[in-house]
Amino acid sequence: RETLERELAQTETEFDPKDLEHGTLFITAVGPQKLKIAQ
């Protein structure tokens, strides 16, 4: 447990309020793999 707590403290990331921001995800360019994007 002590080892895991030390490792977690080293890898823990800061909370970013932007992660909770509501919005819309847009594809602005499909790129070369149109069929995979369609899937």
Full PDB file with SEQRES, HELIX, SHEET, SSBOND, CRYST1, ORIGX, SCALE, CONECT and MASTER records, all heavy atoms in Angstrom:
SEQRES   1 A   39  ARG GLU THR LEU GLU ARG GLU LEU ALA GLN THR GLU THR          
SEQRES   2 A   39  GLU PHE ASP PRO LYS ASP LEU GLU HIS GLY THR LEU PHE          
SEQRES   3 A   39  ILE THR ALA VAL GLY PRO GLN LYS LEU LYS ILE ALA GLN          
HELIX    1 AA1 GLU A    2  THR A   11  1                                  10    
HELIX    2 AA2 PRO A   17  LEU A   20  5                                   4    
HELIX    3 AA3 LYS A   34  ALA A   38  1                                   5    
CRYST1    1.000    1.000    1.000  90.00  90.00  90.00 P 1           1          
ORIGX1      1.000000  0.000000  0.000000        0.00000                         
ORIGX2      0.000000  1.000000  0.000000        0.00000                         
ORIGX3      0.000000  0.000000  1.000000        0.00000                         
SCALE1      1.000000  0.000000  0.000000        0.00000                         
SCALE2      0.000000  1.000000  0.000000        0.00000                         
SCALE3      0.000000  0.000000  1.000000        0.00000                         
ATOM      1  N   ARG A   1       0.835  -1.210   0.000  1.00  0.00           N  
ATOM      2  CA  ARG A   1       0.000   0.000   0.000  1.00  0.00           C  
ATOM      3  C   ARG A   1       0.864   1.252   0.000  1.00  0.00           C  
ATOM      4  O   ARG A   1       0.604   2.193  -0.741  1.00  0.00           O  
ATOM      5  CB  ARG A   1      -0.927  -0.006   1.200  1.00  0.00           C  
ATOM      6  CG  ARG A   1      -1.809   1.213   1.265  1.00  0.00           C  
ATOM      7  CD  ARG A   1      -2.745   1.170   2.419  1.00  0.00           C  
ATOM      8  NE  ARG A   1      -3.465   2.425   2.488  1.00  0.00           N  
ATOM      9  CZ  ARG A   1      -4.259   2.753   3.455  1.00  0.00           C  
ATOM     10  NH1 ARG A   1      -4.459   1.913   4.455  1.00  0.00           N  
ATOM     11  NH2 ARG A   1      -4.871   3.909   3.458  1.00  0.00           N  
ATOM     12  N   GLU A   2       1.905   1.260   0.818  1.00  0.00           N  
ATOM     13  CA  GLU A   2       2.797   2.418   0.869  1.00  0.00           C  
ATOM     14  C   GLU A   2       3.484   2.630  -0.476  1.00  0.00           C  
ATOM     15  O   GLU A   2       3.611   3.757  -0.948  1.00  0.00           O  
ATOM     16  CB  GLU A   2       3.821   2.249   1.986  1.00  0.00           C  
ATOM     17  CG  GLU A   2       3.214   2.360   3.375  1.00  0.00           C  
ATOM     18  CD  GLU A   2       4.192   1.999   4.484  1.00  0.00           C  
ATOM     19  OE1 GLU A   2       5.306   1.538   4.189  1.00  0.00           O  
ATOM     20  OE2 GLU A   2       3.808   2.190   5.651  1.00  0.00           O  
ATOM     21  N   THR A   3       3.889   1.559  -1.120  1.00  0.00           N  
ATOM     22  CA  THR A   3       4.517   1.652  -2.439  1.00  0.00           C  
ATOM     23  C   THR A   3       3.530   2.209  -3.459  1.00  0.00           C  
ATOM     24  O   THR A   3       3.869   3.106  -4.230  1.00  0.00           O  
ATOM     25  CB  THR A   3       5.019   0.267  -2.899  1.00  0.00           C  
ATOM     26  OG1 THR A   3       5.918  -0.245  -1.913  1.00  0.00           O  
ATOM     27  CG2 THR A   3       5.706   0.344  -4.239  1.00  0.00           C  
ATOM     28  N   LEU A   4       2.308   1.700  -3.446  1.00  0.00           N  
ATOM     29  CA  LEU A   4       1.292   2.175  -4.372  1.00  0.00           C  
ATOM     30  C   LEU A   4       0.962   3.646  -4.146  1.00  0.00           C  
ATOM     31  O   LEU A   4       0.766   4.405  -5.097  1.00  0.00           O  
ATOM     32  CB  LEU A   4       0.028   1.326  -4.265  1.00  0.00           C  
ATOM     33  CG  LEU A   4       0.114  -0.073  -4.844  1.00  0.00           C  
ATOM     34  CD1 LEU A   4      -1.150  -0.860  -4.526  1.00  0.00           C  
ATOM     35  CD2 LEU A   4       0.350  -0.022  -6.342  1.00  0.00           C  
ATOM     36  N   GLU A   5       0.886   4.055  -2.895  1.00  0.00           N  
ATOM     37  CA  GLU A   5       0.602   5.459  -2.585  1.00  0.00           C  
ATOM     38  C   GLU A   5       1.706   6.370  -3.108  1.00  0.00           C  
ATOM     39  O   GLU A   5       1.442   7.450  -3.627  1.00  0.00           O  
ATOM     40  CB  GLU A   5       0.406   5.648  -1.081  1.00  0.00           C  
ATOM     41  CG  GLU A   5      -0.919   5.103  -0.585  1.00  0.00           C  
ATOM     42  CD  GLU A   5      -1.071   5.170   0.920  1.00  0.00           C  
ATOM     43  OE1 GLU A   5      -0.096   5.519   1.627  1.00  0.00           O  
ATOM     44  OE2 GLU A   5      -2.169   4.873   1.405  1.00  0.00           O  
ATOM     45  N   ARG A   6       2.969   5.944  -2.972  1.00  0.00           N  
ATOM     46  CA  ARG A   6       4.087   6.735  -3.504  1.00  0.00           C  
ATOM     47  C   ARG A   6       4.008   6.837  -5.025  1.00  0.00           C  
ATOM     48  O   ARG A   6       4.191   7.900  -5.603  1.00  0.00           O  
ATOM     49  CB  ARG A   6       5.422   6.132  -3.082  1.00  0.00           C  
ATOM     50  CG  ARG A   6       5.853   6.499  -1.681  1.00  0.00           C  
ATOM     51  CD  ARG A   6       7.321   6.164  -1.453  1.00  0.00           C  
ATOM     52  NE  ARG A   6       7.647   4.757  -1.686  1.00  0.00           N  
ATOM     53  CZ  ARG A   6       7.507   3.789  -0.778  1.00  0.00           C  
ATOM     54  NH1 ARG A   6       7.058   4.068   0.418  1.00  0.00           N  
ATOM     55  NH2 ARG A   6       7.837   2.546  -1.069  1.00  0.00           N  
ATOM     56  N   GLU A   7       3.729   5.708  -5.681  1.00  0.00           N  
ATOM     57  CA  GLU A   7       3.624   5.706  -7.140  1.00  0.00           C  
ATOM     58  C   GLU A   7       2.458   6.565  -7.612  1.00  0.00           C  
ATOM     59  O   GLU A   7       2.574   7.301  -8.588  1.00  0.00           O  
ATOM     60  CB  GLU A   7       3.462   4.275  -7.662  1.00  0.00           C  
ATOM     61  CG  GLU A   7       4.711   3.443  -7.534  1.00  0.00           C  
ATOM     62  CD  GLU A   7       4.482   1.988  -7.925  1.00  0.00           C  
ATOM     63  OE1 GLU A   7       3.360   1.647  -8.380  1.00  0.00           O  
ATOM     64  OE2 GLU A   7       5.425   1.196  -7.775  1.00  0.00           O  
ATOM     65  N   LEU A   8       1.334   6.502  -6.923  1.00  0.00           N  
ATOM     66  CA  LEU A   8       0.175   7.297  -7.285  1.00  0.00           C  
ATOM     67  C   LEU A   8       0.471   8.782  -7.140  1.00  0.00           C  
ATOM     68  O   LEU A   8       0.088   9.583  -7.990  1.00  0.00           O  
ATOM     69  CB  LEU A   8      -1.031   6.909  -6.421  1.00  0.00           C  
ATOM     70  CG  LEU A   8      -2.329   7.651  -6.713  1.00  0.00           C  
ATOM     71  CD1 LEU A   8      -2.765   7.383  -8.157  1.00  0.00           C  
ATOM     72  CD2 LEU A   8      -3.413   7.228  -5.759  1.00  0.00           C  
ATOM     73  N   ALA A   9       1.167   9.155  -6.080  1.00  0.00           N  
ATOM     74  CA  ALA A   9       1.520  10.569  -5.872  1.00  0.00           C  
ATOM     75  C   ALA A   9       2.407  11.075  -7.000  1.00  0.00           C  
ATOM     76  O   ALA A   9       2.316  12.235  -7.406  1.00  0.00           O  
ATOM     77  CB  ALA A   9       2.218  10.741  -4.533  1.00  0.00           C  
ATOM     78  N   GLN A  10       3.244  10.214  -7.561  1.00  0.00           N  
ATOM     79  CA  GLN A  10       4.132  10.616  -8.657  1.00  0.00           C  
ATOM     80  C   GLN A  10       3.388  10.731  -9.978  1.00  0.00           C  
ATOM     81  O   GLN A  10       3.733  11.545 -10.812  1.00  0.00           O  
ATOM     82  CB  GLN A  10       5.276   9.612  -8.812  1.00  0.00           C  
ATOM     83  CG  GLN A  10       6.227   9.613  -7.648  1.00  0.00           C  
ATOM     84  CD  GLN A  10       7.224   8.464  -7.746  1.00  0.00           C  
ATOM     85  OE1 GLN A  10       7.131   7.615  -8.615  1.00  0.00           O  
ATOM     86  NE2 GLN A  10       8.178   8.449  -6.828  1.00  0.00           N  
ATOM     87  N   THR A  11       2.363   9.898 -10.189  1.00  0.00           N  
ATOM     88  CA  THR A  11       1.669   9.884 -11.472  1.00  0.00           C  
ATOM     89  C   THR A  11       0.361  10.658 -11.465  1.00  0.00           C  
ATOM     90  O   THR A  11      -0.269  10.798 -12.500  1.00  0.00           O  
ATOM     91  CB  THR A  11       1.366   8.443 -11.909  1.00  0.00           C  
ATOM     92  OG1 THR A  11       0.544   7.826 -10.925  1.00  0.00           O  
ATOM     93  CG2 THR A  11       2.636   7.651 -12.115  1.00  0.00           C  
ATOM     94  N   GLU A  12      -0.063  11.166 -10.338  1.00  0.00           N  
ATOM     95  CA  GLU A  12      -1.340  11.851 -10.231  1.00  0.00           C  
ATOM     96  C   GLU A  12      -1.330  13.116 -11.068  1.00  0.00           C  
ATOM     97  O   GLU A  12      -0.374  13.883 -11.058  1.00  0.00           O  
ATOM     98  CB  GLU A  12      -1.610  12.184  -8.759  1.00  0.00           C  
ATOM     99  CG  GLU A  12      -3.063  12.366  -8.456  1.00  0.00           C  
ATOM    100  CD  GLU A  12      -3.300  12.447  -6.968  1.00  0.00           C  
ATOM    101  OE1 GLU A  12      -3.133  11.430  -6.294  1.00  0.00           O  
ATOM    102  OE2 GLU A  12      -3.630  13.545  -6.504  1.00  0.00           O  
ATOM    103  N   THR A  13      -2.395  13.324 -11.836  1.00  0.00           N  
ATOM    104  CA  THR A  13      -2.492  14.513 -12.671  1.00  0.00           C  
ATOM    105  C   THR A  13      -3.392  15.537 -12.005  1.00  0.00           C  
ATOM    106  O   THR A  13      -4.255  15.205 -11.198  1.00  0.00           O  
ATOM    107  CB  THR A  13      -3.058  14.166 -14.057  1.00  0.00           C  
ATOM    108  OG1 THR A  13      -4.349  13.574 -13.874  1.00  0.00           O  
ATOM    109  CG2 THR A  13      -2.151  13.208 -14.799  1.00  0.00           C  
ATOM    110  N   GLU A  14      -3.185  16.755 -12.394  1.00  0.00           N  
ATOM    111  CA  GLU A  14      -4.005  17.842 -11.863  1.00  0.00           C  
ATOM    112  C   GLU A  14      -5.391  17.783 -12.499  1.00  0.00           C  
ATOM    113  O   GLU A  14      -5.542  17.430 -13.664  1.00  0.00           O  
ATOM    114  CB  GLU A  14      -3.348  19.187 -12.179  1.00  0.00           C  
ATOM    115  CG  GLU A  14      -2.076  19.436 -11.416  1.00  0.00           C  
ATOM    116  CD  GLU A  14      -2.310  19.621  -9.931  1.00  0.00           C  
ATOM    117  OE1 GLU A  14      -3.295  20.297  -9.555  1.00  0.00           O  
ATOM    118  OE2 GLU A  14      -1.532  19.075  -9.142  1.00  0.00           O  
ATOM    119  N   PHE A  15      -6.377  18.185 -11.742  1.00  0.00           N  
ATOM    120  CA  PHE A  15      -7.735  18.282 -12.253  1.00  0.00           C  
ATOM    121  C   PHE A  15      -7.820  19.486 -13.177  1.00  0.00           C  
ATOM    122  O   PHE A  15      -7.362  20.574 -12.847  1.00  0.00           O  
ATOM    123  CB  PHE A  15      -8.725  18.444 -11.091  1.00  0.00           C  
ATOM    124  CG  PHE A  15     -10.103  18.778 -11.537  1.00  0.00           C  
ATOM    125  CD1 PHE A  15     -10.899  17.811 -12.123  1.00  0.00           C  
ATOM    126  CD2 PHE A  15     -10.607  20.057 -11.408  1.00  0.00           C  
ATOM    127  CE1 PHE A  15     -12.177  18.113 -12.551  1.00  0.00           C  
ATOM    128  CE2 PHE A  15     -11.878  20.358 -11.832  1.00  0.00           C  
ATOM    129  CZ  PHE A  15     -12.670  19.393 -12.402  1.00  0.00           C  
ATOM    130  N   ASP A  16      -8.372  19.303 -14.364  1.00  0.00           N  
ATOM    131  CA  ASP A  16      -8.525  20.387 -15.323  1.00  0.00           C  
ATOM    132  C   ASP A  16     -10.006  20.702 -15.468  1.00  0.00           C  
ATOM    133  O   ASP A  16     -10.775  19.864 -15.955  1.00  0.00           O  
ATOM    134  CB  ASP A  16      -7.932  19.977 -16.675  1.00  0.00           C  
ATOM    135  CG  ASP A  16      -7.887  21.119 -17.659  1.00  0.00           C  
ATOM    136  OD1 ASP A  16      -8.333  22.235 -17.323  1.00  0.00           O  
ATOM    137  OD2 ASP A  16      -7.398  20.903 -18.783  1.00  0.00           O  
ATOM    138  N   PRO A  17     -10.439  21.903 -15.074  1.00  0.00           N  
ATOM    139  CA  PRO A  17     -11.862  22.262 -15.184  1.00  0.00           C  
ATOM    140  C   PRO A  17     -12.376  22.216 -16.618  1.00  0.00           C  
ATOM    141  O   PRO A  17     -13.562  22.030 -16.853  1.00  0.00           O  
ATOM    142  CB  PRO A  17     -11.933  23.683 -14.637  1.00  0.00           C  
ATOM    143  CG  PRO A  17     -10.642  23.958 -13.990  1.00  0.00           C  
ATOM    144  CD  PRO A  17      -9.651  22.956 -14.460  1.00  0.00           C  
ATOM    145  N   LYS A  18     -11.477  22.333 -17.604  1.00  0.00           N  
ATOM    146  CA  LYS A  18     -11.903  22.282 -19.010  1.00  0.00           C  
ATOM    147  C   LYS A  18     -12.445  20.900 -19.373  1.00  0.00           C  
ATOM    148  O   LYS A  18     -13.209  20.770 -20.325  1.00  0.00           O  
ATOM    149  CB  LYS A  18     -10.747  22.658 -19.927  1.00  0.00           C  
ATOM    150  CG  LYS A  18     -10.374  24.113 -19.826  1.00  0.00           C  
ATOM    151  CD  LYS A  18      -9.260  24.456 -20.783  1.00  0.00           C  
ATOM    152  CE  LYS A  18      -8.895  25.924 -20.619  1.00  0.00           C  
ATOM    153  NZ  LYS A  18      -7.820  26.298 -21.530  1.00  0.00           N  
ATOM    154  N   ASP A  19     -12.047  19.860 -18.634  1.00  0.00           N  
ATOM    155  CA  ASP A  19     -12.555  18.516 -18.897  1.00  0.00           C  
ATOM    156  C   ASP A  19     -14.070  18.432 -18.691  1.00  0.00           C  
ATOM    157  O   ASP A  19     -14.728  17.598 -19.291  1.00  0.00           O  
ATOM    158  CB  ASP A  19     -11.871  17.487 -18.006  1.00  0.00           C  
ATOM    159  CG  ASP A  19     -10.447  17.196 -18.439  1.00  0.00           C  
ATOM    160  OD1 ASP A  19     -10.078  17.559 -19.570  1.00  0.00           O  
ATOM    161  OD2 ASP A  19      -9.703  16.604 -17.638  1.00  0.00           O  
ATOM    162  N   LEU A  20     -14.611  19.279 -17.832  1.00  0.00           N  
ATOM    163  CA  LEU A  20     -16.035  19.248 -17.531  1.00  0.00           C  
ATOM    164  C   LEU A  20     -16.832  20.227 -18.386  1.00  0.00           C  
ATOM    165  O   LEU A  20     -18.053  20.297 -18.276  1.00  0.00           O  
ATOM    166  CB  LEU A  20     -16.265  19.540 -16.050  1.00  0.00           C  
ATOM    167  CG  LEU A  20     -15.611  18.544 -15.098  1.00  0.00           C  
ATOM    168  CD1 LEU A  20     -15.881  18.920 -13.660  1.00  0.00           C  
ATOM    169  CD2 LEU A  20     -16.086  17.129 -15.368  1.00  0.00           C  
ATOM    170  N   GLU A  21     -16.134  20.981 -19.243  1.00  0.00           N  
ATOM    171  CA  GLU A  21     -16.805  21.928 -20.122  1.00  0.00           C  
ATOM    172  C   GLU A  21     -17.661  21.183 -21.134  1.00  0.00           C  
ATOM    173  O   GLU A  21     -17.211  20.231 -21.759  1.00  0.00           O  
ATOM    174  CB  GLU A  21     -15.743  22.747 -20.873  1.00  0.00           C  
ATOM    175  CG  GLU A  21     -15.940  24.201 -20.760  1.00  0.00           C  
ATOM    176  CD  GLU A  21     -14.809  24.971 -21.430  1.00  0.00           C  
ATOM    177  OE1 GLU A  21     -13.912  24.391 -22.043  1.00  0.00           O  
ATOM    178  OE2 GLU A  21     -14.862  26.189 -21.317  1.00  0.00           O  
ATOM    179  N   HIS A  22     -18.890  21.619 -21.273  1.00  0.00           N  
ATOM    180  CA  HIS A  22     -19.806  20.984 -22.225  1.00  0.00           C  
ATOM    181  C   HIS A  22     -19.612  21.630 -23.590  1.00  0.00           C  
ATOM    182  O   HIS A  22     -19.451  22.835 -23.701  1.00  0.00           O  
ATOM    183  CB  HIS A  22     -21.255  21.157 -21.755  1.00  0.00           C  
ATOM    184  CG  HIS A  22     -22.201  20.246 -22.450  1.00  0.00           C  
ATOM    185  ND1 HIS A  22     -22.697  20.520 -23.699  1.00  0.00           N  
ATOM    186  CD2 HIS A  22     -22.720  19.056 -22.089  1.00  0.00           C  
ATOM    187  CE1 HIS A  22     -23.500  19.539 -24.066  1.00  0.00           C  
ATOM    188  NE2 HIS A  22     -23.535  18.630 -23.101  1.00  0.00           N  
ATOM    189  N   GLY A  23     -19.609  20.817 -24.628  1.00  0.00           N  
ATOM    190  CA  GLY A  23     -19.440  21.348 -25.972  1.00  0.00           C  
ATOM    191  C   GLY A  23     -19.710  20.281 -27.014  1.00  0.00           C  
ATOM    192  O   GLY A  23     -20.235  19.212 -26.715  1.00  0.00           O  
ATOM    193  N   THR A  24     -19.321  20.593 -28.235  1.00  0.00           N  
ATOM    194  CA  THR A  24     -19.556  19.694 -29.359  1.00  0.00           C  
ATOM    195  C   THR A  24     -18.232  19.352 -30.025  1.00  0.00           C  
ATOM    196  O   THR A  24     -17.390  20.224 -30.212  1.00  0.00           O  
ATOM    197  CB  THR A  24     -20.501  20.354 -30.382  1.00  0.00           C  
ATOM    198  OG1 THR A  24     -21.700  20.729 -29.713  1.00  0.00           O  
ATOM    199  CG2 THR A  24     -20.851  19.397 -31.511  1.00  0.00           C  
ATOM    200  N   LEU A  25     -18.073  18.095 -30.375  1.00  0.00           N  
ATOM    201  CA  LEU A  25     -16.884  17.626 -31.074  1.00  0.00           C  
ATOM    202  C   LEU A  25     -17.197  17.600 -32.572  1.00  0.00           C  
ATOM    203  O   LEU A  25     -18.205  17.026 -32.991  1.00  0.00           O  
ATOM    204  CB  LEU A  25     -16.513  16.224 -30.587  1.00  0.00           C  
ATOM    205  CG  LEU A  25     -15.196  15.654 -31.062  1.00  0.00           C  
ATOM    206  CD1 LEU A  25     -14.027  16.482 -30.523  1.00  0.00           C  
ATOM    207  CD2 LEU A  25     -15.048  14.208 -30.616  1.00  0.00           C  
ATOM    208  N   PHE A  26     -16.338  18.254 -33.347  1.00  0.00           N  
ATOM    209  CA  PHE A  26     -16.518  18.333 -34.796  1.00  0.00           C  
ATOM    210  C   PHE A  26     -15.341  17.666 -35.506  1.00  0.00           C  
ATOM    211  O   PHE A  26     -14.201  17.828 -35.091  1.00  0.00           O  
ATOM    212  CB  PHE A  26     -16.565  19.789 -35.259  1.00  0.00           C  
ATOM    213  CG  PHE A  26     -17.819  20.509 -34.891  1.00  0.00           C  
ATOM    214  CD1 PHE A  26     -17.909  21.193 -33.693  1.00  0.00           C  
ATOM    215  CD2 PHE A  26     -18.908  20.521 -35.756  1.00  0.00           C  
ATOM    216  CE1 PHE A  26     -19.064  21.875 -33.351  1.00  0.00           C  
ATOM    217  CE2 PHE A  26     -20.064  21.198 -35.414  1.00  0.00           C  
ATOM    218  CZ  PHE A  26     -20.150  21.877 -34.214  1.00  0.00           C  
ATOM    219  N   ILE A  27     -15.633  16.972 -36.603  1.00  0.00           N  
ATOM    220  CA  ILE A  27     -14.594  16.537 -37.526  1.00  0.00           C  
ATOM    221  C   ILE A  27     -14.512  17.628 -38.576  1.00  0.00           C  
ATOM    222  O   ILE A  27     -15.496  17.900 -39.275  1.00  0.00           O  
ATOM    223  CB  ILE A  27     -14.934  15.187 -38.184  1.00  0.00           C  
ATOM    224  CG1 ILE A  27     -15.066  14.085 -37.130  1.00  0.00           C  
ATOM    225  CG2 ILE A  27     -13.875  14.819 -39.217  1.00  0.00           C  
ATOM    226  CD1 ILE A  27     -15.537  12.759 -37.688  1.00  0.00           C  
ATOM    227  N   THR A  28     -13.368  18.287 -38.680  1.00  0.00           N  
ATOM    228  CA  THR A  28     -13.209  19.370 -39.647  1.00  0.00           C  
ATOM    229  C   THR A  28     -12.576  18.891 -40.943  1.00  0.00           C  
ATOM    230  O   THR A  28     -12.697  19.557 -41.968  1.00  0.00           O  
ATOM    231  CB  THR A  28     -12.384  20.524 -39.046  1.00  0.00           C  
ATOM    232  OG1 THR A  28     -11.134  20.015 -38.595  1.00  0.00           O  
ATOM    233  CG2 THR A  28     -13.122  21.161 -37.871  1.00  0.00           C  
ATOM    234  N   ALA A  29     -11.894  17.755 -40.916  1.00  0.00           N  
ATOM    235  CA  ALA A  29     -11.347  17.130 -42.113  1.00  0.00           C  
ATOM    236  C   ALA A  29     -11.244  15.633 -41.866  1.00  0.00           C  
ATOM    237  O   ALA A  29     -10.684  15.208 -40.854  1.00  0.00           O  
ATOM    238  CB  ALA A  29      -9.976  17.709 -42.455  1.00  0.00           C  
ATOM    239  N   VAL A  30     -11.798  14.844 -42.764  1.00  0.00           N  
ATOM    240  CA  VAL A  30     -11.858  13.395 -42.573  1.00  0.00           C  
ATOM    241  C   VAL A  30     -10.487  12.749 -42.690  1.00  0.00           C  
ATOM    242  O   VAL A  30     -10.182  11.816 -41.970  1.00  0.00           O  
ATOM    243  CB  VAL A  30     -12.855  12.777 -43.585  1.00  0.00           C  
ATOM    244  CG1 VAL A  30     -12.817  11.265 -43.517  1.00  0.00           C  
ATOM    245  CG2 VAL A  30     -14.248  13.282 -43.300  1.00  0.00           C  
ATOM    246  N   GLY A  31      -9.665  13.231 -43.587  1.00  0.00           N  
ATOM    247  CA  GLY A  31      -8.345  12.626 -43.769  1.00  0.00           C  
ATOM    248  C   GLY A  31      -8.381  11.486 -44.764  1.00  0.00           C  
ATOM    249  O   GLY A  31      -9.395  11.241 -45.426  1.00  0.00           O  
ATOM    250  N   PRO A  32      -7.286  10.738 -44.872  1.00  0.00           N  
ATOM    251  CA  PRO A  32      -7.159   9.716 -45.913  1.00  0.00           C  
ATOM    252  C   PRO A  32      -7.953   8.429 -45.665  1.00  0.00           C  
ATOM    253  O   PRO A  32      -8.173   7.663 -46.591  1.00  0.00           O  
ATOM    254  CB  PRO A  32      -5.655   9.423 -45.924  1.00  0.00           C  
ATOM    255  CG  PRO A  32      -5.198   9.734 -44.545  1.00  0.00           C  
ATOM    256  CD  PRO A  32      -6.059  10.877 -44.088  1.00  0.00           C  
ATOM    257  N   GLN A  33      -8.393   8.186 -44.448  1.00  0.00           N  
ATOM    258  CA  GLN A  33      -9.072   6.914 -44.140  1.00  0.00           C  
ATOM    259  C   GLN A  33     -10.581   7.124 -44.000  1.00  0.00           C  
ATOM    260  O   GLN A  33     -11.175   6.871 -42.950  1.00  0.00           O  
ATOM    261  CB  GLN A  33      -8.481   6.311 -42.875  1.00  0.00           C  
ATOM    262  CG  GLN A  33      -7.006   5.978 -43.034  1.00  0.00           C  
ATOM    263  CD  GLN A  33      -6.505   5.143 -41.891  1.00  0.00           C  
ATOM    264  OE1 GLN A  33      -7.184   4.231 -41.442  1.00  0.00           O  
ATOM    265  NE2 GLN A  33      -5.307   5.446 -41.429  1.00  0.00           N  
ATOM    266  N   LYS A  34     -11.198   7.552 -45.083  1.00  0.00           N  
ATOM    267  CA  LYS A  34     -12.620   7.900 -45.070  1.00  0.00           C  
ATOM    268  C   LYS A  34     -13.499   6.735 -44.627  1.00  0.00           C  
ATOM    269  O   LYS A  34     -14.445   6.915 -43.863  1.00  0.00           O  
ATOM    270  CB  LYS A  34     -13.032   8.387 -46.459  1.00  0.00           C  
ATOM    271  CG  LYS A  34     -14.452   8.875 -46.531  1.00  0.00           C  
ATOM    272  CD  LYS A  34     -14.776   9.401 -47.916  1.00  0.00           C  
ATOM    273  CE  LYS A  34     -16.217   9.842 -47.991  1.00  0.00           C  
ATOM    274  NZ  LYS A  34     -16.561  10.372 -49.307  1.00  0.00           N  
ATOM    275  N   LEU A  35     -13.198   5.533 -45.081  1.00  0.00           N  
ATOM    276  CA  LEU A  35     -14.015   4.380 -44.732  1.00  0.00           C  
ATOM    277  C   LEU A  35     -13.945   4.070 -43.231  1.00  0.00           C  
ATOM    278  O   LEU A  35     -14.965   3.799 -42.592  1.00  0.00           O  
ATOM    279  CB  LEU A  35     -13.603   3.156 -45.547  1.00  0.00           C  
ATOM    280  CG  LEU A  35     -14.491   1.930 -45.392  1.00  0.00           C  
ATOM    281  CD1 LEU A  35     -15.936   2.255 -45.753  1.00  0.00           C  
ATOM    282  CD2 LEU A  35     -13.988   0.790 -46.245  1.00  0.00           C  
ATOM    283  N   LYS A  36     -12.761   4.138 -42.651  1.00  0.00           N  
ATOM    284  CA  LYS A  36     -12.621   3.886 -41.215  1.00  0.00           C  
ATOM    285  C   LYS A  36     -13.307   4.984 -40.398  1.00  0.00           C  
ATOM    286  O   LYS A  36     -13.916   4.701 -39.362  1.00  0.00           O  
ATOM    287  CB  LYS A  36     -11.151   3.757 -40.831  1.00  0.00           C  
ATOM    288  CG  LYS A  36     -10.545   2.461 -41.324  1.00  0.00           C  
ATOM    289  CD  LYS A  36      -9.152   2.260 -40.825  1.00  0.00           C  
ATOM    290  CE  LYS A  36      -8.604   0.936 -41.352  1.00  0.00           C  
ATOM    291  NZ  LYS A  36      -7.295   0.644 -40.824  1.00  0.00           N  
ATOM    292  N   ILE A  37     -13.220   6.222 -40.873  1.00  0.00           N  
ATOM    293  CA  ILE A  37     -13.924   7.320 -40.198  1.00  0.00           C  
ATOM    294  C   ILE A  37     -15.430   7.087 -40.287  1.00  0.00           C  
ATOM    295  O   ILE A  37     -16.163   7.296 -39.314  1.00  0.00           O  
ATOM    296  CB  ILE A  37     -13.542   8.689 -40.810  1.00  0.00           C  
ATOM    297  CG1 ILE A  37     -12.054   8.975 -40.618  1.00  0.00           C  
ATOM    298  CG2 ILE A  37     -14.409   9.799 -40.247  1.00  0.00           C  
ATOM    299  CD1 ILE A  37     -11.613   9.176 -39.195  1.00  0.00           C  
ATOM    300  N   ALA A  38     -15.909   6.610 -41.440  1.00  0.00           N  
ATOM    301  CA  ALA A  38     -17.330   6.306 -41.609  1.00  0.00           C  
ATOM    302  C   ALA A  38     -17.766   5.214 -40.626  1.00  0.00           C  
ATOM    303  O   ALA A  38     -18.864   5.271 -40.069  1.00  0.00           O  
ATOM    304  CB  ALA A  38     -17.620   5.885 -43.046  1.00  0.00           C  
ATOM    305  N   GLN A  39     -16.902   4.236 -40.389  1.00  0.00           N  
ATOM    306  CA  GLN A  39     -17.228   3.184 -39.417  1.00  0.00           C  
ATOM    307  C   GLN A  39     -17.337   3.755 -38.006  1.00  0.00           C  
ATOM    308  O   GLN A  39     -18.211   3.353 -37.229  1.00  0.00           O  
ATOM    309  CB  GLN A  39     -16.175   2.078 -39.477  1.00  0.00           C  
ATOM    310  CG  GLN A  39     -16.240   1.263 -40.747  1.00  0.00           C  
ATOM    311  CD  GLN A  39     -15.074   0.296 -40.879  1.00  0.00           C  
ATOM    312  OE1 GLN A  39     -14.061   0.428 -40.210  1.00  0.00           O  
ATOM    313  NE2 GLN A  39     -15.231  -0.681 -41.768  1.00  0.00           N  
TER     314      GLN A  39                                                      
MASTER        0    0    0    3    0    0    0    6  313    1    0    3          
END                                                                             
